[in-house]
Amino acid sequence: KPLILTGARQVGKTWLMKEFGRLYFEDVCYINFEN
């Protein structure tokens, strides 16, 4: 199902998602809803 990573700020969620995309997918569409 669509995945949600939970956890406090600064524990590495953004890095994990981007690195996951780099390692396991051909393309990554990243959107930061904070901005």
PDB file of all heavy atoms in Angstrom:
ATOM      1  N   LYS A   1       0.856  -1.175   0.000  1.00  0.00           N
ATOM      2  CA  LYS A   1       0.000   0.000   0.000  1.00  0.00           C
ATOM      3  C   LYS A   1       0.903   1.239   0.000  1.00  0.00           C
ATOM      4  O   LYS A   1       2.106   1.128   0.241  1.00  0.00           O
ATOM      5  CB  LYS A   1      -0.883   0.021   1.255  1.00  0.00           C
ATOM      6  CG  LYS A   1      -1.757  -1.211   1.448  1.00  0.00           C
ATOM      7  CD  LYS A   1      -2.468  -1.148   2.790  1.00  0.00           C
ATOM      8  CE  LYS A   1      -3.267  -2.407   3.069  1.00  0.00           C
ATOM      9  NZ  LYS A   1      -3.893  -2.386   4.419  1.00  0.00           N
ATOM     10  N   PRO A   2       0.354   2.417  -0.269  1.00  0.00           N
ATOM     11  CA  PRO A   2       1.171   3.625  -0.101  1.00  0.00           C
ATOM     12  C   PRO A   2       1.791   3.638   1.295  1.00  0.00           C
ATOM     13  O   PRO A   2       1.143   3.272   2.280  1.00  0.00           O
ATOM     14  CB  PRO A   2       0.157   4.762  -0.276  1.00  0.00           C
ATOM     15  CG  PRO A   2      -0.872   4.184  -1.193  1.00  0.00           C
ATOM     16  CD  PRO A   2      -0.994   2.743  -0.777  1.00  0.00           C
ATOM     17  N   LEU A   3       3.034   4.053   1.362  1.00  0.00           N
ATOM     18  CA  LEU A   3       3.802   3.948   2.607  1.00  0.00           C
ATOM     19  C   LEU A   3       3.968   5.306   3.278  1.00  0.00           C
ATOM     20  O   LEU A   3       4.189   6.319   2.610  1.00  0.00           O
ATOM     21  CB  LEU A   3       5.182   3.363   2.300  1.00  0.00           C
ATOM     22  CG  LEU A   3       6.135   3.182   3.474  1.00  0.00           C
ATOM     23  CD1 LEU A   3       5.613   2.135   4.449  1.00  0.00           C
ATOM     24  CD2 LEU A   3       7.527   2.789   2.974  1.00  0.00           C
ATOM     25  N   ILE A   4       3.871   5.291   4.607  1.00  0.00           N
ATOM     26  CA  ILE A   4       4.158   6.486   5.396  1.00  0.00           C
ATOM     27  C   ILE A   4       5.280   6.154   6.376  1.00  0.00           C
ATOM     28  O   ILE A   4       5.152   5.229   7.183  1.00  0.00           O
ATOM     29  CB  ILE A   4       2.927   6.989   6.176  1.00  0.00           C
ATOM     30  CG1 ILE A   4       1.814   7.429   5.210  1.00  0.00           C
ATOM     31  CG2 ILE A   4       3.319   8.160   7.083  1.00  0.00           C
ATOM     32  CD1 ILE A   4       0.549   7.896   5.918  1.00  0.00           C
ATOM     33  N   LEU A   5       6.367   6.901   6.290  1.00  0.00           N
ATOM     34  CA  LEU A   5       7.434   6.797   7.288  1.00  0.00           C
ATOM     35  C   LEU A   5       7.102   7.758   8.420  1.00  0.00           C
ATOM     36  O   LEU A   5       6.863   8.941   8.181  1.00  0.00           O
ATOM     37  CB  LEU A   5       8.793   7.167   6.692  1.00  0.00           C
ATOM     38  CG  LEU A   5       9.343   6.310   5.550  1.00  0.00           C
ATOM     39  CD1 LEU A   5      10.769   6.745   5.232  1.00  0.00           C
ATOM     40  CD2 LEU A   5       9.303   4.839   5.882  1.00  0.00           C
ATOM     41  N   THR A   6       7.077   7.248   9.621  1.00  0.00           N
ATOM     42  CA  THR A   6       6.793   8.093  10.783  1.00  0.00           C
ATOM     43  C   THR A   6       8.044   8.198  11.646  1.00  0.00           C
ATOM     44  O   THR A   6       8.962   7.382  11.552  1.00  0.00           O
ATOM     45  CB  THR A   6       5.640   7.512  11.618  1.00  0.00           C
ATOM     46  OG1 THR A   6       6.005   6.199  12.082  1.00  0.00           O
ATOM     47  CG2 THR A   6       4.362   7.418  10.799  1.00  0.00           C
ATOM     48  N   GLY A   7       8.063   9.199  12.473  1.00  0.00           N
ATOM     49  CA  GLY A   7       9.209   9.396  13.350  1.00  0.00           C
ATOM     50  C   GLY A   7       9.452  10.869  13.576  1.00  0.00           C
ATOM     51  O   GLY A   7       8.936  11.723  12.854  1.00  0.00           O
ATOM     52  N   ALA A   8      10.261  11.162  14.576  1.00  0.00           N
ATOM     53  CA  ALA A   8      10.570  12.550  14.917  1.00  0.00           C
ATOM     54  C   ALA A   8      11.368  13.207  13.798  1.00  0.00           C
ATOM     55  O   ALA A   8      11.896  12.545  12.902  1.00  0.00           O
ATOM     56  CB  ALA A   8      11.356  12.608  16.225  1.00  0.00           C
ATOM     57  N   ARG A   9      11.449  14.508  13.839  1.00  0.00           N
ATOM     58  CA  ARG A   9      12.272  15.229  12.876  1.00  0.00           C
ATOM     59  C   ARG A   9      13.748  14.873  13.087  1.00  0.00           C
ATOM     60  O   ARG A   9      14.173  14.555  14.194  1.00  0.00           O
ATOM     61  CB  ARG A   9      12.083  16.742  13.021  1.00  0.00           C
ATOM     62  CG  ARG A   9      10.696  17.226  12.589  1.00  0.00           C
ATOM     63  CD  ARG A   9      10.595  18.747  12.656  1.00  0.00           C
ATOM     64  NE  ARG A   9       9.276  19.212  12.247  1.00  0.00           N
ATOM     65  CZ  ARG A   9       8.923  19.448  10.988  1.00  0.00           C
ATOM     66  NH1 ARG A   9       9.804  19.259  10.019  1.00  0.00           N
ATOM     67  NH2 ARG A   9       7.709  19.876  10.693  1.00  0.00           N
ATOM     68  N   GLN A  10      14.488  14.927  11.990  1.00  0.00           N
ATOM     69  CA  GLN A  10      15.942  14.746  11.990  1.00  0.00           C
ATOM     70  C   GLN A  10      16.406  13.306  12.234  1.00  0.00           C
ATOM     71  O   GLN A  10      17.579  13.088  12.566  1.00  0.00           O
ATOM     72  CB  GLN A  10      16.610  15.676  13.036  1.00  0.00           C
ATOM     73  CG  GLN A  10      16.270  17.142  12.890  1.00  0.00           C
ATOM     74  CD  GLN A  10      16.629  17.697  11.512  1.00  0.00           C
ATOM     75  OE1 GLN A  10      17.683  17.403  10.974  1.00  0.00           O
ATOM     76  NE2 GLN A  10      15.724  18.474  10.930  1.00  0.00           N
ATOM     77  N   VAL A  11      15.504  12.325  12.109  1.00  0.00           N
ATOM     78  CA  VAL A  11      15.952  10.933  12.271  1.00  0.00           C
ATOM     79  C   VAL A  11      16.347  10.300  10.938  1.00  0.00           C
ATOM     80  O   VAL A  11      16.759   9.139  10.904  1.00  0.00           O
ATOM     81  CB  VAL A  11      14.878  10.055  12.962  1.00  0.00           C
ATOM     82  CG1 VAL A  11      14.635  10.528  14.381  1.00  0.00           C
ATOM     83  CG2 VAL A  11      13.579  10.010  12.162  1.00  0.00           C
ATOM     84  N   GLY A  12      16.215  11.045   9.840  1.00  0.00           N
ATOM     85  CA  GLY A  12      16.702  10.555   8.558  1.00  0.00           C
ATOM     86  C   GLY A  12      15.654  10.057   7.596  1.00  0.00           C
ATOM     87  O   GLY A  12      15.965   9.333   6.644  1.00  0.00           O
ATOM     88  N   LYS A  13      14.401  10.467   7.771  1.00  0.00           N
ATOM     89  CA  LYS A  13      13.328   9.977   6.888  1.00  0.00           C
ATOM     90  C   LYS A  13      13.542  10.432   5.437  1.00  0.00           C
ATOM     91  O   LYS A  13      13.390   9.640   4.506  1.00  0.00           O
ATOM     92  CB  LYS A  13      11.964  10.455   7.402  1.00  0.00           C
ATOM     93  CG  LYS A  13      11.598   9.957   8.795  1.00  0.00           C
ATOM     94  CD  LYS A  13      10.169  10.296   9.172  1.00  0.00           C
ATOM     95  CE  LYS A  13       9.886  11.775   9.273  1.00  0.00           C
ATOM     96  NZ  LYS A  13      10.668  12.438  10.338  1.00  0.00           N
ATOM     97  N   THR A  14      13.870  11.700   5.257  1.00  0.00           N
ATOM     98  CA  THR A  14      14.055  12.217   3.899  1.00  0.00           C
ATOM     99  C   THR A  14      15.221  11.519   3.209  1.00  0.00           C
ATOM    100  O   THR A  14      15.119  11.098   2.043  1.00  0.00           O
ATOM    101  CB  THR A  14      14.285  13.739   3.925  1.00  0.00           C
ATOM    102  OG1 THR A  14      13.124  14.379   4.465  1.00  0.00           O
ATOM    103  CG2 THR A  14      14.552  14.282   2.531  1.00  0.00           C
ATOM    104  N   TRP A  15      16.332  11.387   3.899  1.00  0.00           N
ATOM    105  CA  TRP A  15      17.494  10.708   3.320  1.00  0.00           C
ATOM    106  C   TRP A  15      17.149   9.280   2.935  1.00  0.00           C
ATOM    107  O   TRP A  15      17.529   8.810   1.847  1.00  0.00           O
ATOM    108  CB  TRP A  15      18.650  10.707   4.316  1.00  0.00           C
ATOM    109  CG  TRP A  15      19.876  10.029   3.763  1.00  0.00           C
ATOM    110  CD1 TRP A  15      20.872  10.601   3.018  1.00  0.00           C
ATOM    111  CD2 TRP A  15      20.213   8.635   3.882  1.00  0.00           C
ATOM    112  NE1 TRP A  15      21.806   9.653   2.673  1.00  0.00           N
ATOM    113  CE2 TRP A  15      21.429   8.441   3.185  1.00  0.00           C
ATOM    114  CE3 TRP A  15      19.609   7.551   4.500  1.00  0.00           C
ATOM    115  CZ2 TRP A  15      22.054   7.195   3.098  1.00  0.00           C
ATOM    116  CZ3 TRP A  15      20.221   6.301   4.416  1.00  0.00           C
ATOM    117  CH2 TRP A  15      21.427   6.136   3.717  1.00  0.00           C
ATOM    118  N   LEU A  16      16.429   8.589   3.803  1.00  0.00           N
ATOM    119  CA  LEU A  16      16.047   7.202   3.526  1.00  0.00           C
ATOM    120  C   LEU A  16      15.217   7.095   2.257  1.00  0.00           C
ATOM    121  O   LEU A  16      15.463   6.228   1.400  1.00  0.00           O
ATOM    122  CB  LEU A  16      15.251   6.637   4.705  1.00  0.00           C
ATOM    123  CG  LEU A  16      16.028   5.903   5.784  1.00  0.00           C
ATOM    124  CD1 LEU A  16      15.130   5.631   6.980  1.00  0.00           C
ATOM    125  CD2 LEU A  16      16.593   4.596   5.249  1.00  0.00           C
ATOM    126  N   MET A  17      14.223   7.947   2.109  1.00  0.00           N
ATOM    127  CA  MET A  17      13.360   7.883   0.941  1.00  0.00           C
ATOM    128  C   MET A  17      14.136   8.165  -0.340  1.00  0.00           C
ATOM    129  O   MET A  17      13.977   7.453  -1.348  1.00  0.00           O
ATOM    130  CB  MET A  17      12.185   8.862   1.093  1.00  0.00           C
ATOM    131  CG  MET A  17      11.208   8.501   2.189  1.00  0.00           C
ATOM    132  SD  MET A  17       9.716   9.539   2.190  1.00  0.00           S
ATOM    133  CE  MET A  17      10.409  11.149   2.591  1.00  0.00           C
ATOM    134  N   LYS A  18      14.966   9.184  -0.320  1.00  0.00           N
ATOM    135  CA  LYS A  18      15.736   9.532  -1.517  1.00  0.00           C
ATOM    136  C   LYS A  18      16.749   8.441  -1.862  1.00  0.00           C
ATOM    137  O   LYS A  18      16.926   8.084  -3.036  1.00  0.00           O
ATOM    138  CB  LYS A  18      16.446  10.871  -1.314  1.00  0.00           C
ATOM    139  CG  LYS A  18      15.511  12.071  -1.314  1.00  0.00           C
ATOM    140  CD  LYS A  18      16.298  13.365  -1.180  1.00  0.00           C
ATOM    141  CE  LYS A  18      15.398  14.583  -1.316  1.00  0.00           C
ATOM    142  NZ  LYS A  18      16.165  15.851  -1.191  1.00  0.00           N
ATOM    143  N   GLU A  19      17.416   7.912  -0.853  1.00  0.00           N
ATOM    144  CA  GLU A  19      18.393   6.852  -1.100  1.00  0.00           C
ATOM    145  C   GLU A  19      17.710   5.577  -1.567  1.00  0.00           C
ATOM    146  O   GLU A  19      18.221   4.863  -2.437  1.00  0.00           O
ATOM    147  CB  GLU A  19      19.197   6.593   0.182  1.00  0.00           C
ATOM    148  CG  GLU A  19      20.320   5.589   0.048  1.00  0.00           C
ATOM    149  CD  GLU A  19      21.482   6.080  -0.817  1.00  0.00           C
ATOM    150  OE1 GLU A  19      21.435   7.218  -1.325  1.00  0.00           O
ATOM    151  OE2 GLU A  19      22.434   5.294  -0.986  1.00  0.00           O
ATOM    152  N   PHE A  20      16.550   5.290  -1.008  1.00  0.00           N
ATOM    153  CA  PHE A  20      15.749   4.148  -1.441  1.00  0.00           C
ATOM    154  C   PHE A  20      15.387   4.286  -2.923  1.00  0.00           C
ATOM    155  O   PHE A  20      15.511   3.346  -3.706  1.00  0.00           O
ATOM    156  CB  PHE A  20      14.490   4.064  -0.580  1.00  0.00           C
ATOM    157  CG  PHE A  20      13.494   3.022  -1.006  1.00  0.00           C
ATOM    158  CD1 PHE A  20      13.852   1.696  -1.148  1.00  0.00           C
ATOM    159  CD2 PHE A  20      12.164   3.380  -1.244  1.00  0.00           C
ATOM    160  CE1 PHE A  20      12.920   0.729  -1.535  1.00  0.00           C
ATOM    161  CE2 PHE A  20      11.235   2.431  -1.622  1.00  0.00           C
ATOM    162  CZ  PHE A  20      11.608   1.101  -1.764  1.00  0.00           C
ATOM    163  N   GLY A  21      14.957   5.469  -3.303  1.00  0.00           N
ATOM    164  CA  GLY A  21      14.632   5.718  -4.699  1.00  0.00           C
ATOM    165  C   GLY A  21      15.841   5.564  -5.605  1.00  0.00           C
ATOM    166  O   GLY A  21      15.751   4.990  -6.696  1.00  0.00           O
ATOM    167  N   ARG A  22      16.974   6.051  -5.157  1.00  0.00           N
ATOM    168  CA  ARG A  22      18.198   5.960  -5.960  1.00  0.00           C
ATOM    169  C   ARG A  22      18.626   4.510  -6.162  1.00  0.00           C
ATOM    170  O   ARG A  22      19.067   4.130  -7.264  1.00  0.00           O
ATOM    171  CB  ARG A  22      19.329   6.744  -5.281  1.00  0.00           C
ATOM    172  CG  ARG A  22      20.616   6.820  -6.081  1.00  0.00           C
ATOM    173  CD  ARG A  22      21.708   7.517  -5.296  1.00  0.00           C
ATOM    174  NE  ARG A  22      22.217   6.697  -4.211  1.00  0.00           N
ATOM    175  CZ  ARG A  22      23.120   5.724  -4.363  1.00  0.00           C
ATOM    176  NH1 ARG A  22      23.613   5.453  -5.563  1.00  0.00           N
ATOM    177  NH2 ARG A  22      23.542   5.036  -3.312  1.00  0.00           N
ATOM    178  N   LEU A  23      18.481   3.698  -5.127  1.00  0.00           N
ATOM    179  CA  LEU A  23      18.962   2.320  -5.186  1.00  0.00           C
ATOM    180  C   LEU A  23      18.007   1.367  -5.892  1.00  0.00           C
ATOM    181  O   LEU A  23      18.442   0.409  -6.535  1.00  0.00           O
ATOM    182  CB  LEU A  23      19.220   1.806  -3.759  1.00  0.00           C
ATOM    183  CG  LEU A  23      20.381   2.451  -2.995  1.00  0.00           C
ATOM    184  CD1 LEU A  23      20.418   1.936  -1.565  1.00  0.00           C
ATOM    185  CD2 LEU A  23      21.709   2.176  -3.686  1.00  0.00           C
ATOM    186  N   TYR A  24      16.697   1.610  -5.768  1.00  0.00           N
ATOM    187  CA  TYR A  24      15.728   0.601  -6.193  1.00  0.00           C
ATOM    188  C   TYR A  24      14.807   1.030  -7.336  1.00  0.00           C
ATOM    189  O   TYR A  24      14.012   0.222  -7.795  1.00  0.00           O
ATOM    190  CB  TYR A  24      14.871   0.187  -4.990  1.00  0.00           C
ATOM    191  CG  TYR A  24      15.631  -0.602  -3.956  1.00  0.00           C
ATOM    192  CD1 TYR A  24      16.223   0.037  -2.864  1.00  0.00           C
ATOM    193  CD2 TYR A  24      15.769  -1.982  -4.065  1.00  0.00           C
ATOM    194  CE1 TYR A  24      16.927  -0.692  -1.911  1.00  0.00           C
ATOM    195  CE2 TYR A  24      16.464  -2.705  -3.118  1.00  0.00           C
ATOM    196  CZ  TYR A  24      17.044  -2.056  -2.044  1.00  0.00           C
ATOM    197  OH  TYR A  24      17.739  -2.781  -1.096  1.00  0.00           O
ATOM    198  N   PHE A  25      14.918   2.273  -7.791  1.00  0.00           N
ATOM    199  CA  PHE A  25      14.040   2.751  -8.858  1.00  0.00           C
ATOM    200  C   PHE A  25      14.848   3.454  -9.936  1.00  0.00           C
ATOM    201  O   PHE A  25      15.960   3.928  -9.692  1.00  0.00           O
ATOM    202  CB  PHE A  25      12.973   3.700  -8.307  1.00  0.00           C
ATOM    203  CG  PHE A  25      11.955   3.031  -7.426  1.00  0.00           C
ATOM    204  CD1 PHE A  25      12.214   2.798  -6.078  1.00  0.00           C
ATOM    205  CD2 PHE A  25      10.735   2.610  -7.943  1.00  0.00           C
ATOM    206  CE1 PHE A  25      11.286   2.173  -5.266  1.00  0.00           C
ATOM    207  CE2 PHE A  25       9.798   1.982  -7.143  1.00  0.00           C
ATOM    208  CZ  PHE A  25      10.069   1.759  -5.800  1.00  0.00           C
ATOM    209  N   GLU A  26      14.269   3.532 -11.118  1.00  0.00           N
ATOM    210  CA  GLU A  26      14.930   4.234 -12.221  1.00  0.00           C
ATOM    211  C   GLU A  26      14.746   5.741 -12.133  1.00  0.00           C
ATOM    212  O   GLU A  26      15.555   6.505 -12.661  1.00  0.00           O
ATOM    213  CB  GLU A  26      14.371   3.737 -13.562  1.00  0.00           C
ATOM    214  CG  GLU A  26      14.653   2.268 -13.858  1.00  0.00           C
ATOM    215  CD  GLU A  26      14.081   1.821 -15.184  1.00  0.00           C
ATOM    216  OE1 GLU A  26      13.758   2.704 -16.026  1.00  0.00           O
ATOM    217  OE2 GLU A  26      13.949   0.605 -15.395  1.00  0.00           O
ATOM    218  N   ASP A  27      13.672   6.173 -11.459  1.00  0.00           N
ATOM    219  CA  ASP A  27      13.346   7.597 -11.420  1.00  0.00           C
ATOM    220  C   ASP A  27      12.695   7.918 -10.077  1.00  0.00           C
ATOM    221  O   ASP A  27      12.033   7.061  -9.474  1.00  0.00           O
ATOM    222  CB  ASP A  27      12.390   7.938 -12.565  1.00  0.00           C
ATOM    223  CG  ASP A  27      12.105   9.424 -12.682  1.00  0.00           C
ATOM    224  OD1 ASP A  27      13.005  10.231 -12.370  1.00  0.00           O
ATOM    225  OD2 ASP A  27      10.986   9.778 -13.079  1.00  0.00           O
ATOM    226  N   VAL A  28      12.889   9.131  -9.610  1.00  0.00           N
ATOM    227  CA  VAL A  28      12.299   9.584  -8.353  1.00  0.00           C
ATOM    228  C   VAL A  28      11.640  10.941  -8.569  1.00  0.00           C
ATOM    229  O   VAL A  28      12.273  11.868  -9.094  1.00  0.00           O
ATOM    230  CB  VAL A  28      13.353   9.714  -7.233  1.00  0.00           C
ATOM    231  CG1 VAL A  28      12.723  10.296  -5.969  1.00  0.00           C
ATOM    232  CG2 VAL A  28      13.991   8.370  -6.933  1.00  0.00           C
ATOM    233  N   CYS A  29      10.383  11.046  -8.179  1.00  0.00           N
ATOM    234  CA  CYS A  29       9.679  12.330  -8.190  1.00  0.00           C
ATOM    235  C   CYS A  29       9.503  12.763  -6.745  1.00  0.00           C
ATOM    236  O   CYS A  29       8.672  12.206  -6.011  1.00  0.00           O
ATOM    237  CB  CYS A  29       8.329  12.192  -8.892  1.00  0.00           C
ATOM    238  SG  CYS A  29       7.349  13.734  -8.892  1.00  0.00           S
ATOM    239  N   TYR A  30      10.315  13.735  -6.317  1.00  0.00           N
ATOM    240  CA  TYR A  30      10.329  14.165  -4.913  1.00  0.00           C
ATOM    241  C   TYR A  30       9.582  15.478  -4.747  1.00  0.00           C
ATOM    242  O   TYR A  30       9.842  16.448  -5.462  1.00  0.00           O
ATOM    243  CB  TYR A  30      11.778  14.334  -4.441  1.00  0.00           C
ATOM    244  CG  TYR A  30      11.883  14.917  -3.051  1.00  0.00           C
ATOM    245  CD1 TYR A  30      11.707  14.117  -1.925  1.00  0.00           C
ATOM    246  CD2 TYR A  30      12.157  16.271  -2.863  1.00  0.00           C
ATOM    247  CE1 TYR A  30      11.813  14.643  -0.646  1.00  0.00           C
ATOM    248  CE2 TYR A  30      12.265  16.812  -1.592  1.00  0.00           C
ATOM    249  CZ  TYR A  30      12.089  15.991  -0.486  1.00  0.00           C
ATOM    250  OH  TYR A  30      12.172  16.523   0.785  1.00  0.00           O
ATOM    251  N   ILE A  31       8.650  15.490  -3.811  1.00  0.00           N
ATOM    252  CA  ILE A  31       7.891  16.701  -3.497  1.00  0.00           C
ATOM    253  C   ILE A  31       7.955  16.947  -2.000  1.00  0.00           C
ATOM    254  O   ILE A  31       7.618  16.058  -1.203  1.00  0.00           O
ATOM    255  CB  ILE A  31       6.419  16.576  -3.937  1.00  0.00           C
ATOM    256  CG1 ILE A  31       6.330  16.409  -5.456  1.00  0.00           C
ATOM    257  CG2 ILE A  31       5.621  17.810  -3.506  1.00  0.00           C
ATOM    258  CD1 ILE A  31       4.948  16.089  -5.954  1.00  0.00           C
ATOM    259  N   ASN A  32       8.386  18.135  -1.624  1.00  0.00           N
ATOM    260  CA  ASN A  32       8.432  18.518  -0.215  1.00  0.00           C
ATOM    261  C   ASN A  32       7.254  19.445   0.060  1.00  0.00           C
ATOM    262  O   ASN A  32       7.232  20.594  -0.380  1.00  0.00           O
ATOM    263  CB  ASN A  32       9.751  19.229   0.100  1.00  0.00           C
ATOM    264  CG  ASN A  32       9.883  19.536   1.579  1.00  0.00           C
ATOM    265  OD1 ASN A  32       8.942  19.405   2.351  1.00  0.00           O
ATOM    266  ND2 ASN A  32      11.069  19.945   1.982  1.00  0.00           N
ATOM    267  N   PHE A  33       6.272  18.934   0.794  1.00  0.00           N
ATOM    268  CA  PHE A  33       5.066  19.714   1.054  1.00  0.00           C
ATOM    269  C   PHE A  33       5.266  20.769   2.131  1.00  0.00           C
ATOM    270  O   PHE A  33       4.354  21.555   2.399  1.00  0.00           O
ATOM    271  CB  PHE A  33       3.914  18.782   1.438  1.00  0.00           C
ATOM    272  CG  PHE A  33       3.340  18.036   0.260  1.00  0.00           C
ATOM    273  CD1 PHE A  33       3.348  16.654   0.228  1.00  0.00           C
ATOM    274  CD2 PHE A  33       2.808  18.715  -0.818  1.00  0.00           C
ATOM    275  CE1 PHE A  33       2.821  15.964  -0.853  1.00  0.00           C
ATOM    276  CE2 PHE A  33       2.279  18.050  -1.900  1.00  0.00           C
ATOM    277  CZ  PHE A  33       2.285  16.663  -1.922  1.00  0.00           C
ATOM    278  N   GLU A  34       6.438  20.799   2.741  1.00  0.00           N
ATOM    279  CA  GLU A  34       6.720  21.870   3.688  1.00  0.00           C
ATOM    280  C   GLU A  34       6.927  23.184   2.937  1.00  0.00           C
ATOM    281  O   GLU A  34       6.681  24.264   3.463  1.00  0.00           O
ATOM    282  CB  GLU A  34       7.955  21.527   4.522  1.00  0.00           C
ATOM    283  CG  GLU A  34       8.033  22.276   5.825  1.00  0.00           C
ATOM    284  CD  GLU A  34       9.004  21.639   6.792  1.00  0.00           C
ATOM    285  OE1 GLU A  34      10.062  21.152   6.346  1.00  0.00           O
ATOM    286  OE2 GLU A  34       8.707  21.622   7.996  1.00  0.00           O
ATOM    287  N   ASN A  35       7.409  23.074   1.688  1.00  0.00           N
ATOM    288  CA  ASN A  35       7.541  24.234   0.796  1.00  0.00           C
ATOM    289  C   ASN A  35       6.903  23.878  -0.535  1.00  0.00           C
ATOM    290  O   ASN A  35       7.580  23.768  -1.565  1.00  0.00           O
ATOM    291  CB  ASN A  35       9.024  24.588   0.598  1.00  0.00           C
ATOM    292  CG  ASN A  35       9.715  24.908   1.900  1.00  0.00           C
ATOM    293  OD1 ASN A  35       9.383  25.874   2.561  1.00  0.00           O
ATOM    294  ND2 ASN A  35      10.686  24.073   2.273  1.00  0.00           N
TER     295      ASN A  35
END
